[in-house]
C-alpha atoms as a PDB file:
ATOM      1  CA  MET A   1       0.000   0.000   0.000  1.00  0.00           C
ATOM      2  CA  GLY A   2       2.896   2.328   0.766  1.00  0.00           C
ATOM      3  CA  GLU A   3       4.333   2.057  -2.741  1.00  0.00           C
ATOM      4  CA  LEU A   4       0.932   2.785  -4.289  1.00  0.00           C
ATOM      5  CA  TYR A   5       0.475   5.899  -2.174  1.00  0.00           C
ATOM      6  CA  GLY A   6       4.023   7.034  -2.853  1.00  0.00           C
ATOM      7  CA  PHE A   7       3.423   6.781  -6.591  1.00  0.00           C
ATOM      8  CA  TRP A   8       0.012   8.471  -6.574  1.00  0.00           C
ATOM      9  CA  ASN A   9       1.012  11.151  -4.108  1.00  0.00           C
ATOM     10  CA  ARG A  10       3.725  12.285  -6.523  1.00  0.00           C
ATOM     11  CA  GLN A  11       1.018  12.659  -9.220  1.00  0.00           C
ATOM     12  CA  ILE A  12      -1.777  14.177  -7.127  1.00  0.00           C
ATOM     13  CA  ASN A  13      -1.175  15.379  -3.590  1.00  0.00           C
ATOM     14  CA  VAL A  14      -3.671  13.317  -1.567  1.00  0.00           C
ATOM     15  CA  ILE A  15      -1.560  13.076   1.592  1.00  0.00           C
ATOM     16  CA  SER A  16       0.486  15.914   3.012  1.00  0.00           C
ATOM     17  CA  ARG A  17       4.055  15.582   1.733  1.00  0.00           C
ATOM     18  CA  LYS A  18       5.332  15.785   5.322  1.00  0.00           C
ATOM     19  CA  ASP A  19       2.960  12.946   6.320  1.00  0.00           C
ATOM     20  CA  ILE A  20       3.731  10.486   3.511  1.00  0.00           C
ATOM     21  CA  ASP A  21       6.681   9.156   5.537  1.00  0.00           C
ATOM     22  CA  TYR A  22       4.218   8.365   8.336  1.00  0.00           C
ATOM     23  CA  LEU A  23       1.622   6.713   6.088  1.00  0.00           C
ATOM     24  CA  TYR A  24       1.313   3.563   8.174  1.00  0.00           C
ATOM     25  CA  GLU A  25       0.974   5.255  11.568  1.00  0.00           C
ATOM     26  CA  ARG A  26      -0.924   8.453  10.774  1.00  0.00           C
ATOM     27  CA  HIS A  27      -3.235   7.157   8.084  1.00  0.00           C
ATOM     28  CA  ILE A  28      -3.523   3.368   7.946  1.00  0.00           C
ATOM     29  CA  LEU A  29      -3.242   2.533  11.655  1.00  0.00           C
ATOM     30  CA  HIS A  30      -5.281   5.615  12.580  1.00  0.00           C
ATOM     31  CA  SER A  31      -8.044   4.408  10.248  1.00  0.00           C
ATOM     32  CA  LEU A  32      -7.905   0.889  11.649  1.00  0.00           C
ATOM     33  CA  ALA A  33      -8.553   2.182  15.162  1.00  0.00           C
ATOM     34  CA  ILE A  34     -12.224   2.126  14.170  1.00  0.00           C
ATOM     35  CA  ALA A  35     -11.987  -1.674  13.882  1.00  0.00           C
ATOM     36  CA  LYS A  36     -10.953  -1.760  17.546  1.00  0.00           C
ATOM     37  CA  VAL A  37     -14.270  -0.121  18.495  1.00  0.00           C
ATOM     38  CA  VAL A  38     -16.724  -1.947  16.242  1.00  0.00           C
ATOM     39  CA  SER A  39     -16.601  -5.035  14.082  1.00  0.00           C
ATOM     40  CA  PHE A  40     -18.794  -4.354  11.068  1.00  0.00           C
ATOM     41  CA  VAL A  41     -21.051  -7.302  10.241  1.00  0.00           C
ATOM     42  CA  ASP A  42     -21.127  -8.848   6.789  1.00  0.00           C
ATOM     43  CA  GLY A  43     -23.425  -6.873   4.508  1.00  0.00           C
ATOM     44  CA  ALA A  44     -23.198  -3.666   6.528  1.00  0.00           C
ATOM     45  CA  SER A  45     -22.904  -0.354   4.698  1.00  0.00           C
ATOM     46  CA  VAL A  46     -20.351   2.270   5.684  1.00  0.00           C
ATOM     47  CA  LEU A  47     -20.056   5.787   4.294  1.00  0.00           C
ATOM     48  CA  ASP A  48     -16.629   7.466   4.389  1.00  0.00           C
ATOM     49  CA  VAL A  49     -17.242  11.223   4.244  1.00  0.00           C
ATOM     50  CA  GLY A  50     -14.426  13.411   2.929  1.00  0.00           C
ATOM     51  CA  THR A  51     -12.292  10.374   2.218  1.00  0.00           C
ATOM     52  CA  GLY A  52      -9.442  12.365   0.643  1.00  0.00           C
ATOM     53  CA  GLY A  53      -6.826   9.736  -0.128  1.00  0.00           C
ATOM     54  CA  GLY A  54      -9.122   6.927   0.991  1.00  0.00           C
ATOM     55  CA  PHE A  55      -8.913   7.164   4.751  1.00  0.00           C
ATOM     56  CA  PRO A  56     -10.394   5.610   6.773  1.00  0.00           C
ATOM     57  CA  GLY A  57     -12.369   3.728   4.089  1.00  0.00           C
ATOM     58  CA  LEU A  58      -9.651   1.832   2.205  1.00  0.00           C
ATOM     59  CA  PRO A  59      -7.948   0.221   5.229  1.00  0.00           C
ATOM     60  CA  LEU A  60     -11.338  -0.677   6.702  1.00  0.00           C
ATOM     61  CA  ALA A  61     -12.447  -2.220   3.394  1.00  0.00           C
ATOM     62  CA  ILE A  62      -9.405  -4.498   3.502  1.00  0.00           C
ATOM     63  CA  VAL A  63     -10.207  -5.638   7.043  1.00  0.00           C
ATOM     64  CA  PHE A  64     -13.939  -6.026   6.326  1.00  0.00           C
ATOM     65  CA  PRO A  65     -14.154  -7.489   2.792  1.00  0.00           C
ATOM     66  CA  LYS A  66     -17.876  -8.353   3.117  1.00  0.00           C
ATOM     67  CA  VAL A  67     -18.903  -4.814   4.084  1.00  0.00           C
ATOM     68  CA  LYS A  68     -19.983  -2.275   1.458  1.00  0.00           C
ATOM     69  CA  PHE A  69     -18.034   0.986   1.596  1.00  0.00           C
ATOM     70  CA  LEU A  70     -19.042   4.181  -0.177  1.00  0.00           C
ATOM     71  CA  LEU A  71     -16.204   6.715  -0.165  1.00  0.00           C
ATOM     72  CA  ILE A  72     -17.235  10.257  -1.036  1.00  0.00           C
ATOM     73  CA  ASP A  73     -15.346  13.484  -1.487  1.00  0.00           C
ATOM     74  CA  SER A  74     -16.075  16.869  -3.001  1.00  0.00           C
ATOM     75  CA  ILE A  75     -12.716  16.792  -4.844  1.00  0.00           C
ATOM     76  CA  GLY A  76     -12.930  14.462  -7.824  1.00  0.00           C
ATOM     77  CA  LYS A  77      -9.194  14.047  -8.501  1.00  0.00           C
ATOM     78  CA  LYS A  78      -8.713  12.506  -5.060  1.00  0.00           C
ATOM     79  CA  LEU A  79     -11.338   9.892  -5.877  1.00  0.00           C
ATOM     80  CA  LYS A  80      -9.433   8.945  -9.043  1.00  0.00           C
ATOM     81  CA  VAL A  81      -6.503   8.029  -6.799  1.00  0.00           C
ATOM     82  CA  VAL A  82      -8.780   6.073  -4.447  1.00  0.00           C
ATOM     83  CA  ASP A  83     -10.272   4.190  -7.403  1.00  0.00           C
ATOM     84  CA  ALA A  84      -6.803   3.356  -8.759  1.00  0.00           C
ATOM     85  CA  ILE A  85      -5.598   2.101  -5.374  1.00  0.00           C
ATOM     86  CA  ALA A  86      -8.778   0.071  -4.791  1.00  0.00           C
ATOM     87  CA  GLU A  87      -8.353  -1.504  -8.236  1.00  0.00           C
ATOM     88  CA  ALA A  88      -4.668  -2.273  -7.646  1.00  0.00           C
ATOM     89  CA  LEU A  89      -5.586  -3.925  -4.327  1.00  0.00           C
ATOM     90  CA  GLN A  90      -8.490  -5.756  -6.036  1.00  0.00           C
ATOM     91  CA  LEU A  91     -11.006  -4.429  -3.532  1.00  0.00           C
ATOM     92  CA  GLN A  92     -14.511  -5.315  -4.697  1.00  0.00           C
ATOM     93  CA  ASN A  93     -16.362  -3.737  -1.772  1.00  0.00           C
ATOM     94  CA  ILE A  94     -15.637  -0.075  -2.494  1.00  0.00           C
ATOM     95  CA  THR A  95     -17.483   2.460  -4.585  1.00  0.00           C
ATOM     96  CA  THR A  96     -16.666   6.133  -4.809  1.00  0.00           C
ATOM     97  CA  GLN A  97     -18.806   9.124  -5.558  1.00  0.00           C
ATOM     98  CA  HIS A  98     -17.908  12.731  -6.260  1.00  0.00           C
ATOM     99  CA  ILE A  99     -20.535  14.423  -4.101  1.00  0.00           C
ATOM    100  CA  ARG A 100     -20.916  16.569  -1.032  1.00  0.00           C
ATOM    101  CA  ALA A 101     -22.220  14.693   2.034  1.00  0.00           C
ATOM    102  CA  GLU A 102     -25.251  16.930   2.431  1.00  0.00           C
ATOM    103  CA  ASP A 103     -26.347  16.079  -1.150  1.00  0.00           C
ATOM    104  CA  LEU A 104     -26.172  12.312  -0.674  1.00  0.00           C
ATOM    105  CA  SER A 105     -29.504  10.495  -0.480  1.00  0.00           C
ATOM    106  CA  CYS A 106     -28.569   6.944   0.574  1.00  0.00           C
ATOM    107  CA  LYS A 107     -28.924   5.371   4.028  1.00  0.00           C
ATOM    108  CA  VAL A 108     -26.096   3.503   5.771  1.00  0.00           C
ATOM    109  CA  ASP A 109     -25.309   1.722   9.009  1.00  0.00           C
ATOM    110  CA  PHE A 110     -22.336   3.966   9.847  1.00  0.00           C
ATOM    111  CA  ALA A 111     -20.633   7.102   8.603  1.00  0.00           C
ATOM    112  CA  VAL A 112     -16.914   7.403   9.263  1.00  0.00           C
ATOM    113  CA  SER A 113     -14.685  10.408   8.875  1.00  0.00           C
ATOM    114  CA  ARG A 114     -11.366  11.904   9.865  1.00  0.00           C
ATOM    115  CA  ALA A 115     -12.357  15.291  11.254  1.00  0.00           C
ATOM    116  CA  VAL A 116     -13.402  16.937   7.993  1.00  0.00           C
ATOM    117  CA  THR A 117     -15.305  19.592   9.940  1.00  0.00           C
ATOM    118  CA  SER A 118     -16.677  20.222  13.411  1.00  0.00           C
ATOM    119  CA  LEU A 119     -18.824  17.480  14.857  1.00  0.00           C
ATOM    120  CA  PRO A 120     -22.063  19.553  14.882  1.00  0.00           C
ATOM    121  CA  VAL A 121     -21.658  20.420  11.183  1.00  0.00           C
ATOM    122  CA  PHE A 122     -20.835  16.816  10.317  1.00  0.00           C
ATOM    123  CA  LEU A 123     -23.868  15.529  12.195  1.00  0.00           C
ATOM    124  CA  SER A 124     -26.105  18.010  10.367  1.00  0.00           C
ATOM    125  CA  TRP A 125     -24.854  16.543   7.077  1.00  0.00           C
ATOM    126  CA  MET A 126     -25.681  13.039   8.326  1.00  0.00           C
ATOM    127  CA  LYS A 127     -29.224  13.770   9.449  1.00  0.00           C
ATOM    128  CA  ASN A 128     -31.644  11.101   8.133  1.00  0.00           C
ATOM    129  CA  LYS A 129     -28.856   9.082   6.485  1.00  0.00           C
ATOM    130  CA  PHE A 130     -28.861   6.090   8.853  1.00  0.00           C
ATOM    131  CA  LEU A 131     -30.692   2.812   8.638  1.00  0.00           C
ATOM    132  CA  LYS A 132     -32.978   2.151  11.593  1.00  0.00           C
ATOM    133  CA  ARG A 133     -32.079  -1.507  12.036  1.00  0.00           C
ATOM    134  CA  ASN A 134     -29.031  -2.076  14.214  1.00  0.00           C
ATOM    135  CA  ARG A 135     -26.914  -5.211  13.862  1.00  0.00           C
ATOM    136  CA  HIS A 136     -23.727  -4.087  15.602  1.00  0.00           C
ATOM    137  CA  SER A 137     -22.283  -3.801  19.098  1.00  0.00           C
ATOM    138  CA  LEU A 138     -22.653  -0.022  18.758  1.00  0.00           C
ATOM    139  CA  PRO A 139     -25.843   1.674  17.581  1.00  0.00           C
ATOM    140  CA  ASN A 140     -25.835   2.917  13.993  1.00  0.00           C
ATOM    141  CA  GLY A 141     -24.359   6.396  13.672  1.00  0.00           C
ATOM    142  CA  THR A 142     -21.086   8.211  13.173  1.00  0.00           C
ATOM    143  CA  LEU A 143     -17.553   7.135  13.997  1.00  0.00           C
ATOM    144  CA  PHE A 144     -15.498  10.287  13.904  1.00  0.00           C
ATOM    145  CA  LEU A 145     -11.688  10.269  14.208  1.00  0.00           C
ATOM    146  CA  LYS A 146     -10.785  13.408  16.114  1.00  0.00           C
ATOM    147  CA  GLY A 147      -7.908  14.891  18.093  1.00  0.00           C
ATOM    148  CA  GLY A 148      -7.582  17.352  20.936  1.00  0.00           C
ATOM    149  CA  ASP A 149     -10.271  18.705  23.235  1.00  0.00           C
ATOM    150  CA  ILE A 150     -13.755  18.030  21.889  1.00  0.00           C
ATOM    151  CA  THR A 151     -15.752  18.968  24.979  1.00  0.00           C
ATOM    152  CA  ASP A 152     -17.451  21.965  23.356  1.00  0.00           C
ATOM    153  CA  GLU A 153     -18.321  20.051  20.195  1.00  0.00           C
ATOM    154  CA  LEU A 154     -20.045  17.317  22.203  1.00  0.00           C
ATOM    155  CA  GLN A 155     -22.186  19.597  24.378  1.00  0.00           C
ATOM    156  CA  SER A 156     -25.420  18.896  22.497  1.00  0.00           C
ATOM    157  CA  TYR A 157     -24.733  15.182  21.976  1.00  0.00           C
ATOM    158  CA  ARG A 158     -23.639  13.944  25.411  1.00  0.00           C
ATOM    159  CA  ASN A 159     -26.568  11.547  25.790  1.00  0.00           C
ATOM    160  CA  ARG A 160     -25.799   9.948  22.376  1.00  0.00           C
ATOM    161  CA  ALA A 161     -21.984  10.117  22.338  1.00  0.00           C
ATOM    162  CA  SER A 162     -19.230   7.749  23.417  1.00  0.00           C
ATOM    163  CA  ILE A 163     -15.532   8.562  23.312  1.00  0.00           C
ATOM    164  CA  PHE A 164     -12.856   5.938  22.782  1.00  0.00           C
ATOM    165  CA  GLU A 165      -9.239   6.942  23.418  1.00  0.00           C
ATOM    166  CA  ILE A 166      -7.123   5.482  20.616  1.00  0.00           C
ATOM    167  CA  SER A 167      -4.126   5.379  22.969  1.00  0.00           C
ATOM    168  CA  GLN A 168      -5.780   2.437  24.724  1.00  0.00           C
ATOM    169  CA  TYR A 169      -5.315   0.432  21.518  1.00  0.00           C
ATOM    170  CA  PHE A 170      -2.056   1.806  20.072  1.00  0.00           C
ATOM    171  CA  SER A 171       1.010   2.982  22.016  1.00  0.00           C
ATOM    172  CA  GLU A 172       2.538   5.352  19.434  1.00  0.00           C
ATOM    173  CA  ILE A 173       2.897   8.954  20.639  1.00  0.00           C
ATOM    174  CA  PHE A 174       0.814  10.165  17.687  1.00  0.00           C
ATOM    175  CA  PHE A 175      -2.288   8.624  19.300  1.00  0.00           C
ATOM    176  CA  GLU A 176      -1.962  10.262  22.728  1.00  0.00           C
ATOM    177  CA  GLU A 177      -4.730  12.805  22.059  1.00  0.00           C
ATOM    178  CA  LYS A 178      -6.573  10.962  19.290  1.00  0.00           C
ATOM    179  CA  LYS A 179     -10.103   9.737  19.816  1.00  0.00           C
ATOM    180  CA  ILE A 180     -12.923   7.943  18.108  1.00  0.00           C
ATOM    181  CA  VAL A 181     -16.205   9.693  18.806  1.00  0.00           C
ATOM    182  CA  HIS A 182     -19.279   7.566  18.278  1.00  0.00           C
ATOM    183  CA  VAL A 183     -22.592   9.401  18.095  1.00  0.00           C
ATOM    184  CA  SER A 184     -25.613   7.177  17.753  1.00  0.00           C
ATOM    185  CA  ALA A 185     -28.135   8.141  15.115  1.00  0.00           C
ATOM    186  CA  TYR A 186     -31.185   7.493  17.298  1.00  0.00           C
END
């Protein structure tokens, strides 16, 4: 995966040039932290909002080959890279769409994202986009990778939110202040 990203990142900057040397830790492992919190069941549907270079969707699609992933971004050239990497890895469970989250009309079990905006804005984009049936250990909703102090952002969602410290799963210094914020849809 590293060679693929190195090649594509030289063509189209999908990962910060200073971060490409930390691809495994800051992108792949960070994305896989979600798999420490929930194990998606076969047939589940997961929306990756603002996927950029394919994170967290691509690593999760590798771990969960029987889960359907829809990776969306408002920047089409980034999705071309994601498509090329998914094809090179022979991933059959990924589709991409060049669309803004608020314009999407499908319903999913979970939406994942790596801090594309503030949590309240993100949750407004996700309103009415979740399936009612729940088949997972966590209720359907968002799984948001976030860093730093998120107290203010969670004010309105305390009764629906759970915070998982990524440092309890991974010991690298990068994860000291990183969190997964789950907000149930209902």
